[in-house]
Amino acid sequence: MLEINNIRENKESIIGQLKIRNKDFEKLIFEVINLDELRRSAQFKLDNELAELNQLSKKIGELFKTGQHQQANELKQKTALLKDSTKTLKQQLVDSENSIKEILYQIPNVPNKLVPSGNSENDNEVIENYGHTPQLFAGAIPHWEIAKKYNLIDFELGVKITGSGFPVYIGKGAQLQRALINFFLNEAIASNYKEVIPPLVVNEESGFATGQLPDKEGQMYHMQEDNLYLIPTAEVPITNIFRNTLLKEDDFPVKRVGYTPCFRREAGSYGKDVRGLNRLHQFDKVEIVQLAHPENSYAILDEMVAHVKLLLDKLELPYRVVRLCGGDLGFTAALTYDFEVYSSAQQKWLEVSSVSNFETYQSNRLKLRFKNNNNKNQLVHTLNGSALALPRIMAALLENNQSEKGISIPKVLIPYTGFDTINDKE
């Protein structure tokens, strides 16, 4: 969430920059400022009354020691009134802080100046295109038909076991999926990311800390009895490893990578690009996370973008890099680059990664700081990226590498799969 001091000192620029999101947050910004003024006033009064109580307590003790009991008892009556007053002020502080927090939860991150204006994904800015779109043979088919032809993925069996959006990977389909996971993990480890295997469920505090709550509450699977949530992305548990942490400047860079299944309800998306692997409720993803010094975070964002580019280059997939516009930018992000691969059989671009800098928005919720060279505590910048999400990568690999003879496996994956083609039904 945004920092109170920053809002107070830069309210006009923050209000102006938030308009890039196509929504006016001016009213909420001023509500926060007004509540903070009341909070600061209550804090000032409380500090003075606590100081007065301290002085009176000392004086009462001295009066009793010298036998001036009547004067001491008179002062005790005054301290009783002050205690009632401080109790009221403390509750006012708690109430105002909670009110401020509730409003701050409704205000998204301030977009970076590089974020283009726009209303939706149609207004996103294409930065770069890479690779060549393959020309498929006349009988080319989409990946859900390929999966059925070669018995790689059984979507109907997933419906039987759980419901739509929960596919079952079989035989070489499962091996290819596992090969991609290991390839992505090994590439990240070679780039000095430390691997972690986090929990697949998180508590409410973790959801609030990284911004999934309350913004995406309806998109997560909630276990009400235990008040736990299935993770929508490994970003949530990995970043929360560092909740309530004080780092040192020497700790940077902090780089973590993790593979997890991800779970999303995808509420409101029914009927929209749902064929095959295009939109799932459970899918696999390898996530990279970095904690950065504020002075270096945008250079690190570029580094993470380069990492994802390298993965797609090695997979020999045609892709493009897109800078998200204000209307499509995630609630917690200051700047996001999406990667989209081209699906030749479906003849459309499929999003496979988002790489984002959240600046201090998450770390303020996380209470994640570092002690700078001036020996002062300062908020860390957090970043994360999909490297990569597997369903649409799998879809593009199957579709783009098909021929009359079968499916060719990219050279970089053959050491992981143990086979170079898929040409028969197991």
Protein backbone atom coordinates (compact mmCIF):
# COMPACT_ATOMS: atom_id res chain seq x y z
CA MET A 1 0.00 0.00 0.00
CA LEU A 2 1.06 3.60 -0.44
CA GLU A 3 3.05 5.30 2.30
CA ILE A 4 1.23 7.97 4.33
CA ASN A 5 4.20 10.34 4.34
CA ASN A 6 4.52 10.08 0.57
CA ILE A 7 0.80 10.77 0.10
CA ARG A 8 0.95 13.80 2.39
CA GLU A 9 4.03 15.27 0.73
CA ASN A 10 3.19 14.44 -2.90
CA LYS A 11 -0.59 14.29 -3.02
CA GLU A 12 -1.03 16.26 -6.25
CA SER A 13 1.47 14.21 -8.27
CA ILE A 14 0.06 10.95 -6.87
CA ILE A 15 -3.52 11.96 -7.74
CA GLY A 16 -2.39 12.94 -11.22
CA GLN A 17 -0.42 9.77 -11.86
CA LEU A 18 -3.22 7.53 -10.57
CA LYS A 19 -5.51 8.97 -13.25
CA ILE A 20 -3.55 6.86 -15.77
CA ARG A 21 -5.56 3.95 -14.30
CA ASN A 22 -8.74 5.62 -15.65
CA LYS A 23 -10.21 6.12 -12.21
CA ASP A 24 -10.21 9.13 -9.93
CA PHE A 25 -8.76 8.41 -6.49
CA GLU A 26 -8.68 12.05 -5.33
CA LYS A 27 -11.50 11.61 -2.80
CA LEU A 28 -9.81 8.60 -1.17
CA ILE A 29 -6.45 10.39 -1.09
CA PHE A 30 -7.93 13.36 0.77
CA GLU A 31 -9.86 11.06 3.12
CA VAL A 32 -6.55 9.43 4.05
CA ILE A 33 -4.89 12.82 4.60
CA ASN A 34 -7.76 14.07 6.78
CA LEU A 35 -7.81 10.89 8.86
CA ASP A 36 -4.05 11.07 9.24
CA GLU A 37 -4.34 14.64 10.52
CA LEU A 38 -6.83 13.46 13.16
CA ARG A 39 -4.53 10.55 14.01
CA ARG A 40 -1.50 12.83 14.36
CA SER A 41 -3.51 15.24 16.52
CA ALA A 42 -4.66 12.38 18.78
CA GLN A 43 -1.10 11.05 18.98
CA PHE A 44 0.24 14.49 19.95
CA LYS A 45 -2.39 14.85 22.66
CA LEU A 46 -1.77 11.31 23.91
CA ASP A 47 1.99 11.86 24.10
CA ASN A 48 1.46 15.03 26.14
CA GLU A 49 -1.00 13.36 28.52
CA LEU A 50 1.27 10.34 29.01
CA ALA A 51 4.16 12.70 29.77
CA GLU A 52 1.95 14.59 32.25
CA LEU A 53 0.90 11.29 33.86
CA ASN A 54 4.53 10.34 34.28
CA GLN A 55 5.35 13.64 35.96
CA LEU A 56 2.30 13.44 38.24
CA SER A 57 3.19 9.88 39.29
CA LYS A 58 6.64 11.04 40.37
CA LYS A 59 5.18 14.01 42.22
CA ILE A 60 2.59 11.85 44.00
CA GLY A 61 5.34 9.53 45.17
CA GLU A 62 7.32 12.48 46.55
CA LEU A 63 4.24 13.89 48.32
CA PHE A 64 3.51 10.58 50.03
CA LYS A 65 7.13 10.31 51.13
CA THR A 66 6.93 13.75 52.79
CA GLY A 67 3.58 12.99 54.43
CA GLN A 68 1.50 15.34 52.23
CA HIS A 69 -1.25 12.78 51.79
CA GLN A 70 -4.11 15.17 51.02
CA GLN A 71 -2.24 16.83 48.14
CA ALA A 72 -1.14 13.42 46.88
CA ASN A 73 -4.72 12.13 46.85
CA GLU A 74 -5.91 15.24 45.00
CA LEU A 75 -3.32 14.60 42.31
CA LYS A 76 -4.37 10.94 42.18
CA GLN A 77 -7.87 12.08 41.23
CA LYS A 78 -6.36 14.10 38.40
CA THR A 79 -4.34 11.12 37.21
CA ALA A 80 -7.50 8.99 37.18
CA LEU A 81 -9.10 11.48 34.79
CA LEU A 82 -5.98 11.51 32.65
CA LYS A 83 -5.93 7.73 32.52
CA ASP A 84 -9.51 7.70 31.26
CA SER A 85 -8.58 10.30 28.67
CA THR A 86 -5.50 8.40 27.48
CA LYS A 87 -7.54 5.21 27.21
CA THR A 88 -10.02 7.04 24.97
CA LEU A 89 -7.20 8.53 22.88
CA LYS A 90 -5.55 5.13 22.45
CA GLN A 91 -8.81 3.71 21.13
CA GLN A 92 -9.17 6.71 18.81
CA LEU A 93 -5.69 5.98 17.46
CA VAL A 94 -6.53 2.32 16.85
CA ASP A 95 -9.80 3.26 15.13
CA SER A 96 -8.18 5.93 12.94
CA GLU A 97 -5.29 3.64 11.98
CA ASN A 98 -7.75 0.92 11.00
CA SER A 99 -9.81 3.42 8.99
CA ILE A 100 -6.69 4.67 7.23
CA LYS A 101 -5.63 1.12 6.41
CA GLU A 102 -9.07 0.25 5.02
CA ILE A 103 -8.91 3.23 2.66
CA LEU A 104 -5.31 2.55 1.66
CA TYR A 105 -6.36 -0.98 0.68
CA GLN A 106 -8.66 0.63 -1.90
CA ILE A 107 -5.92 2.74 -3.51
CA PRO A 108 -3.71 0.94 -6.07
CA ASN A 109 -0.02 1.49 -6.66
CA VAL A 110 1.07 4.66 -8.44
CA PRO A 111 1.95 3.82 -12.06
CA ASN A 112 5.48 4.48 -13.22
CA LYS A 113 5.84 7.33 -15.75
CA LEU A 114 6.60 4.73 -18.46
CA VAL A 115 3.07 3.27 -18.15
CA PRO A 116 1.09 4.30 -21.25
CA SER A 117 -2.46 5.57 -21.00
CA GLY A 118 -5.24 3.26 -22.12
CA ASN A 119 -8.42 1.52 -21.06
CA SER A 120 -7.80 -2.19 -21.64
CA GLU A 121 -5.42 -4.82 -23.02
CA ASN A 122 -6.18 -3.46 -26.49
CA ASP A 123 -4.24 -0.32 -25.55
CA ASN A 124 -1.12 -2.08 -24.29
CA GLU A 125 2.11 -1.03 -25.97
CA VAL A 126 4.00 -3.65 -27.98
CA ILE A 127 7.70 -3.04 -27.27
CA GLU A 128 9.42 -5.80 -29.25
CA ASN A 129 8.70 -8.79 -31.48
CA TYR A 130 10.97 -11.85 -31.64
CA GLY A 131 11.10 -14.95 -33.79
CA HIS A 132 9.21 -15.99 -36.89
CA THR A 133 5.68 -17.28 -37.03
CA PRO A 134 5.80 -20.85 -38.34
CA GLN A 135 3.83 -21.73 -41.45
CA LEU A 136 1.82 -24.80 -40.54
CA PHE A 137 0.74 -27.53 -42.91
CA ALA A 138 -2.82 -27.67 -44.19
CA GLY A 139 -3.99 -30.25 -41.64
CA ALA A 140 -2.67 -28.39 -38.54
CA ILE A 141 -4.91 -28.59 -35.48
CA PRO A 142 -5.17 -26.72 -32.12
CA HIS A 143 -3.45 -28.11 -29.05
CA TRP A 144 -6.57 -29.63 -27.47
CA GLU A 145 -6.97 -31.83 -30.55
CA ILE A 146 -3.24 -32.62 -30.57
CA ALA A 147 -3.48 -33.61 -26.90
CA LYS A 148 -6.32 -36.01 -27.71
CA LYS A 149 -4.67 -37.39 -30.88
CA TYR A 150 -1.48 -38.36 -29.02
CA ASN A 151 -3.07 -39.01 -25.59
CA LEU A 152 -1.02 -36.25 -23.90
CA ILE A 153 -3.69 -34.43 -21.87
CA ASP A 154 -7.15 -35.67 -20.90
CA PHE A 155 -9.47 -32.74 -20.30
CA GLU A 156 -12.60 -34.89 -19.91
CA LEU A 157 -10.96 -37.04 -17.24
CA GLY A 158 -10.14 -33.85 -15.33
CA VAL A 159 -13.82 -32.88 -15.48
CA LYS A 160 -14.74 -36.32 -14.10
CA ILE A 161 -12.29 -36.08 -11.22
CA THR A 162 -12.75 -32.40 -10.31
CA GLY A 163 -14.38 -30.17 -12.92
CA SER A 164 -13.51 -28.09 -15.97
CA GLY A 165 -10.13 -26.36 -15.84
CA PHE A 166 -8.33 -29.24 -14.10
CA PRO A 167 -6.59 -31.23 -16.87
CA VAL A 168 -4.85 -34.59 -16.42
CA TYR A 169 -1.42 -34.86 -18.08
CA ILE A 170 -0.59 -38.35 -19.34
CA GLY A 171 2.52 -40.14 -20.61
CA LYS A 172 4.66 -37.92 -22.80
CA GLY A 173 2.38 -35.00 -21.97
CA ALA A 174 3.30 -35.38 -18.29
CA GLN A 175 6.97 -35.87 -19.19
CA LEU A 176 7.00 -32.72 -21.33
CA GLN A 177 5.34 -30.76 -18.52
CA ARG A 178 7.94 -31.98 -16.02
CA ALA A 179 10.74 -31.24 -18.51
CA LEU A 180 9.60 -27.62 -18.82
CA ILE A 181 9.46 -27.21 -15.02
CA ASN A 182 12.99 -28.58 -14.58
CA PHE A 183 14.31 -26.51 -17.49
CA PHE A 184 12.86 -23.30 -16.05
CA LEU A 185 14.17 -24.06 -12.56
CA ASN A 186 17.67 -24.94 -13.77
CA GLU A 187 17.88 -21.77 -15.88
CA ALA A 188 16.90 -19.67 -12.86
CA ILE A 189 19.38 -21.44 -10.59
CA ALA A 190 22.11 -20.82 -13.20
CA SER A 191 21.18 -17.11 -12.90
CA ASN A 192 21.82 -17.25 -9.11
CA TYR A 193 18.22 -17.61 -7.96
CA LYS A 194 17.92 -19.75 -4.84
CA GLU A 195 15.22 -22.40 -5.16
CA VAL A 196 12.52 -22.73 -2.50
CA ILE A 197 9.53 -25.06 -2.23
CA PRO A 198 6.87 -23.02 -0.42
CA PRO A 199 3.46 -24.05 1.00
CA LEU A 200 0.56 -24.16 -1.44
CA VAL A 201 -1.83 -22.57 1.08
CA VAL A 202 -1.38 -19.24 2.84
CA ASN A 203 -3.06 -17.43 5.70
CA GLU A 204 -5.02 -14.21 5.43
CA GLU A 205 -2.10 -12.04 6.55
CA SER A 206 0.03 -13.35 3.68
CA GLY A 207 -2.74 -12.53 1.21
CA PHE A 208 -2.98 -8.95 2.48
CA ALA A 209 0.80 -8.53 2.57
CA THR A 210 1.32 -9.10 -1.16
CA GLY A 211 -1.93 -7.45 -2.24
CA GLN A 212 -4.11 -10.40 -3.26
CA LEU A 213 -6.47 -9.40 -0.46
CA PRO A 214 -8.80 -7.63 -0.56
CA ASP A 215 -8.37 -6.90 -4.29
CA LYS A 216 -8.55 -10.48 -5.64
CA GLU A 217 -10.48 -12.16 -2.85
CA GLY A 218 -13.11 -13.57 -5.21
CA GLN A 219 -10.44 -15.10 -7.45
CA MET A 220 -8.85 -17.29 -4.78
CA TYR A 221 -10.04 -20.61 -3.42
CA HIS A 222 -10.86 -20.06 0.26
CA MET A 223 -10.95 -22.79 2.91
CA GLN A 224 -13.37 -21.09 5.26
CA GLU A 225 -13.07 -23.46 8.22
CA ASP A 226 -9.33 -22.79 8.54
CA ASN A 227 -9.39 -19.32 6.90
CA LEU A 228 -6.63 -20.36 4.49
CA TYR A 229 -6.27 -19.69 0.76
CA LEU A 230 -4.89 -21.82 -2.07
CA ILE A 231 -2.13 -19.80 -3.69
CA PRO A 232 -2.87 -18.05 -7.02
CA THR A 233 0.90 -17.80 -7.65
CA ALA A 234 4.15 -18.68 -5.90
CA GLU A 235 4.77 -14.95 -5.57
CA VAL A 236 2.55 -14.94 -2.48
CA PRO A 237 4.34 -17.48 -0.25
CA ILE A 238 7.84 -16.69 -1.57
CA THR A 239 7.55 -12.94 -0.98
CA ASN A 240 5.96 -13.55 2.44
CA ILE A 241 9.07 -15.43 3.51
CA PHE A 242 10.46 -11.94 4.12
CA ARG A 243 7.44 -10.44 5.90
CA ASN A 244 8.46 -8.49 9.05
CA THR A 245 12.13 -8.69 8.04
CA LEU A 246 14.94 -6.15 8.33
CA LEU A 247 17.67 -6.69 5.74
CA LYS A 248 21.11 -5.15 5.39
CA GLU A 249 22.38 -3.44 2.26
CA ASP A 250 24.90 -6.26 1.91
CA ASP A 251 22.02 -8.75 1.56
CA PHE A 252 21.11 -7.48 -1.92
CA PRO A 253 20.41 -8.92 -4.38
CA VAL A 254 17.89 -11.32 -2.84
CA LYS A 255 16.80 -13.76 -5.57
CA ARG A 256 14.36 -16.65 -5.12
CA VAL A 257 12.72 -19.08 -7.52
CA GLY A 258 10.00 -21.61 -6.88
CA TYR A 259 7.83 -24.06 -8.77
CA THR A 260 4.26 -24.53 -7.57
CA PRO A 261 0.85 -25.46 -8.86
CA CYS A 262 -1.34 -22.35 -8.91
CA PHE A 263 -5.08 -22.17 -8.23
CA ARG A 264 -7.45 -19.52 -9.59
CA ARG A 265 -11.22 -19.49 -9.64
CA GLU A 266 -11.20 -17.33 -12.80
CA ALA A 267 -14.57 -15.94 -11.73
CA GLY A 268 -16.26 -13.95 -14.47
CA SER A 269 -14.12 -15.43 -17.27
CA TYR A 270 -16.38 -18.28 -18.30
CA GLY A 271 -16.76 -18.50 -22.06
CA LYS A 272 -13.65 -16.37 -22.70
CA ASP A 273 -10.81 -18.28 -24.40
CA VAL A 274 -11.43 -21.38 -22.28
CA ARG A 275 -10.62 -24.11 -24.78
CA GLY A 276 -7.90 -26.54 -23.79
CA LEU A 277 -5.03 -25.03 -21.82
CA ASN A 278 -5.93 -21.41 -22.51
CA ARG A 279 -7.61 -20.79 -19.14
CA LEU A 280 -7.35 -23.19 -16.20
CA HIS A 281 -8.26 -23.32 -12.52
CA GLN A 282 -5.10 -25.29 -11.71
CA PHE A 283 -1.83 -24.86 -13.57
CA ASP A 284 1.92 -25.11 -13.02
CA LYS A 285 4.25 -22.12 -12.91
CA VAL A 286 7.85 -21.29 -12.10
CA GLU A 287 8.11 -17.89 -10.41
CA ILE A 288 11.14 -15.66 -9.92
CA VAL A 289 11.15 -13.08 -7.10
CA GLN A 290 13.69 -10.39 -6.28
CA LEU A 291 14.07 -7.96 -3.41
CA ALA A 292 15.96 -4.89 -4.53
CA HIS A 293 17.54 -1.69 -3.32
CA PRO A 294 15.24 1.15 -4.50
CA GLU A 295 18.07 2.68 -6.54
CA ASN A 296 18.52 -0.53 -8.54
CA SER A 297 15.02 -1.96 -8.92
CA TYR A 298 14.37 -0.83 -12.50
CA ALA A 299 17.72 -2.16 -13.68
CA ILE A 300 16.73 -5.44 -12.00
CA LEU A 301 13.35 -5.32 -13.75
CA ASP A 302 15.23 -5.14 -17.07
CA GLU A 303 17.39 -8.08 -15.94
CA MET A 304 14.30 -10.16 -15.16
CA VAL A 305 12.76 -9.27 -18.53
CA ALA A 306 16.00 -10.41 -20.20
CA HIS A 307 15.81 -13.71 -18.27
CA VAL A 308 12.32 -14.47 -19.61
CA LYS A 309 13.41 -13.50 -23.14
CA LEU A 310 16.25 -16.01 -22.95
CA LEU A 311 13.88 -18.80 -21.93
CA LEU A 312 11.60 -18.14 -24.89
CA ASP A 313 14.55 -17.82 -27.26
CA LYS A 314 15.83 -21.23 -26.15
CA LEU A 315 12.37 -22.73 -26.65
CA GLU A 316 12.40 -21.24 -30.19
CA LEU A 317 8.96 -19.71 -29.75
CA PRO A 318 7.83 -16.52 -31.49
CA TYR A 319 6.94 -13.94 -28.84
CA ARG A 320 6.43 -10.28 -28.14
CA VAL A 321 6.98 -8.03 -25.13
CA VAL A 322 4.11 -5.75 -24.14
CA ARG A 323 4.11 -2.84 -21.70
CA LEU A 324 0.76 -2.76 -19.88
CA CYS A 325 -1.31 0.41 -20.07
CA GLY A 326 -2.91 2.09 -17.06
CA GLY A 327 -6.26 0.40 -17.58
CA ASP A 328 -4.71 -3.09 -17.67
CA LEU A 329 -2.03 -2.62 -15.01
CA GLY A 330 -2.35 -4.84 -11.95
CA PHE A 331 -3.54 -3.25 -8.70
CA THR A 332 -0.19 -3.62 -6.89
CA ALA A 333 2.20 -3.03 -9.81
CA ALA A 334 4.00 0.18 -10.74
CA LEU A 335 5.17 -1.18 -14.12
CA THR A 336 4.52 -4.52 -15.83
CA TYR A 337 5.83 -6.18 -18.97
CA ASP A 338 3.79 -9.07 -20.36
CA PHE A 339 5.20 -11.75 -22.63
CA GLU A 340 2.94 -13.27 -25.25
CA VAL A 341 3.76 -16.27 -27.47
CA TYR A 342 2.11 -16.75 -30.83
CA SER A 343 -0.16 -19.76 -31.24
CA SER A 344 -0.08 -20.60 -34.93
CA ALA A 345 -2.98 -23.05 -34.87
CA GLN A 346 -5.22 -20.64 -32.95
CA GLN A 347 -3.73 -17.64 -34.77
CA LYS A 348 -3.53 -15.44 -31.70
CA TRP A 349 -1.15 -14.25 -28.99
CA LEU A 350 -1.21 -16.03 -25.63
CA GLU A 351 0.08 -14.40 -22.44
CA VAL A 352 2.70 -16.58 -20.73
CA SER A 353 4.43 -14.21 -18.30
CA SER A 354 4.09 -10.96 -16.39
CA VAL A 355 7.20 -9.30 -14.97
CA SER A 356 6.48 -6.47 -12.53
CA ASN A 357 8.10 -3.93 -10.23
CA PHE A 358 5.93 -3.18 -7.21
CA GLU A 359 8.37 -0.61 -5.77
CA THR A 360 7.42 -0.20 -2.06
CA TYR A 361 3.73 -1.09 -2.41
CA GLN A 362 4.11 -4.67 -1.19
CA SER A 363 7.00 -4.04 1.20
CA ASN A 364 4.97 -1.41 3.08
CA ARG A 365 2.33 -4.07 3.75
CA LEU A 366 4.99 -6.70 4.42
CA LYS A 367 6.93 -4.42 6.80
CA LEU A 368 9.96 -5.46 4.76
CA ARG A 369 12.82 -3.00 5.23
CA PHE A 370 16.58 -2.72 5.04
CA LYS A 371 19.02 -0.65 7.06
CA ASN A 372 20.67 1.78 4.67
CA ASN A 373 24.15 3.29 4.83
CA ASN A 374 22.81 6.13 6.99
CA ASN A 375 21.67 3.51 9.52
CA LYS A 376 18.01 4.29 8.81
CA ASN A 377 15.31 1.75 8.01
CA GLN A 378 14.06 2.01 4.41
CA LEU A 379 11.43 0.06 2.48
CA VAL A 380 12.67 -2.56 0.00
CA HIS A 381 11.47 -2.74 -3.62
CA THR A 382 9.87 -6.09 -4.57
CA LEU A 383 9.69 -7.60 -8.06
CA ASN A 384 8.41 -10.84 -9.50
CA GLY A 385 7.89 -12.58 -12.80
CA SER A 386 6.54 -15.77 -14.34
CA ALA A 387 9.47 -17.75 -15.70
CA LEU A 388 7.32 -19.30 -16.95
CA ALA A 389 3.63 -20.24 -16.69
CA LEU A 390 3.30 -23.62 -18.34
CA PRO A 391 -0.19 -24.10 -19.88
CA ARG A 392 0.10 -21.69 -22.80
CA ILE A 393 3.78 -22.52 -23.29
CA MET A 394 2.72 -26.15 -23.66
CA ALA A 395 -0.08 -25.10 -26.04
CA ALA A 396 2.28 -23.07 -28.24
CA LEU A 397 4.94 -25.81 -28.28
CA LEU A 398 2.43 -28.44 -29.39
CA GLU A 399 0.81 -26.23 -32.03
CA ASN A 400 3.88 -24.52 -33.47
CA ASN A 401 6.01 -27.66 -33.66
CA GLN A 402 3.46 -29.95 -35.28
CA SER A 403 3.91 -31.55 -38.68
CA GLU A 404 2.45 -34.50 -40.59
CA LYS A 405 5.05 -36.68 -38.82
CA GLY A 406 4.25 -35.58 -35.25
CA ILE A 407 5.45 -33.02 -32.71
CA SER A 408 9.10 -31.93 -32.63
CA ILE A 409 10.60 -31.22 -29.21
CA PRO A 410 12.85 -28.11 -28.95
CA LYS A 411 16.53 -29.06 -28.72
CA VAL A 412 16.95 -27.47 -25.29
CA LEU A 413 14.27 -29.78 -23.82
CA ILE A 414 15.47 -33.11 -25.25
CA PRO A 415 17.93 -33.75 -22.37
CA TYR A 416 14.97 -33.29 -20.02
CA THR A 417 12.35 -35.31 -21.95
CA GLY A 418 14.54 -38.12 -23.21
CA PHE A 419 12.72 -38.01 -26.56
CA ASP A 420 12.85 -35.65 -29.53
CA THR A 421 9.44 -36.27 -31.10
CA ILE A 422 5.90 -37.24 -30.22
CA ASN A 423 4.50 -39.26 -33.10
CA ASP A 424 2.43 -42.04 -31.65
CA LYS A 425 -0.46 -42.50 -29.23
CA GLU A 426 0.69 -44.22 -26.05
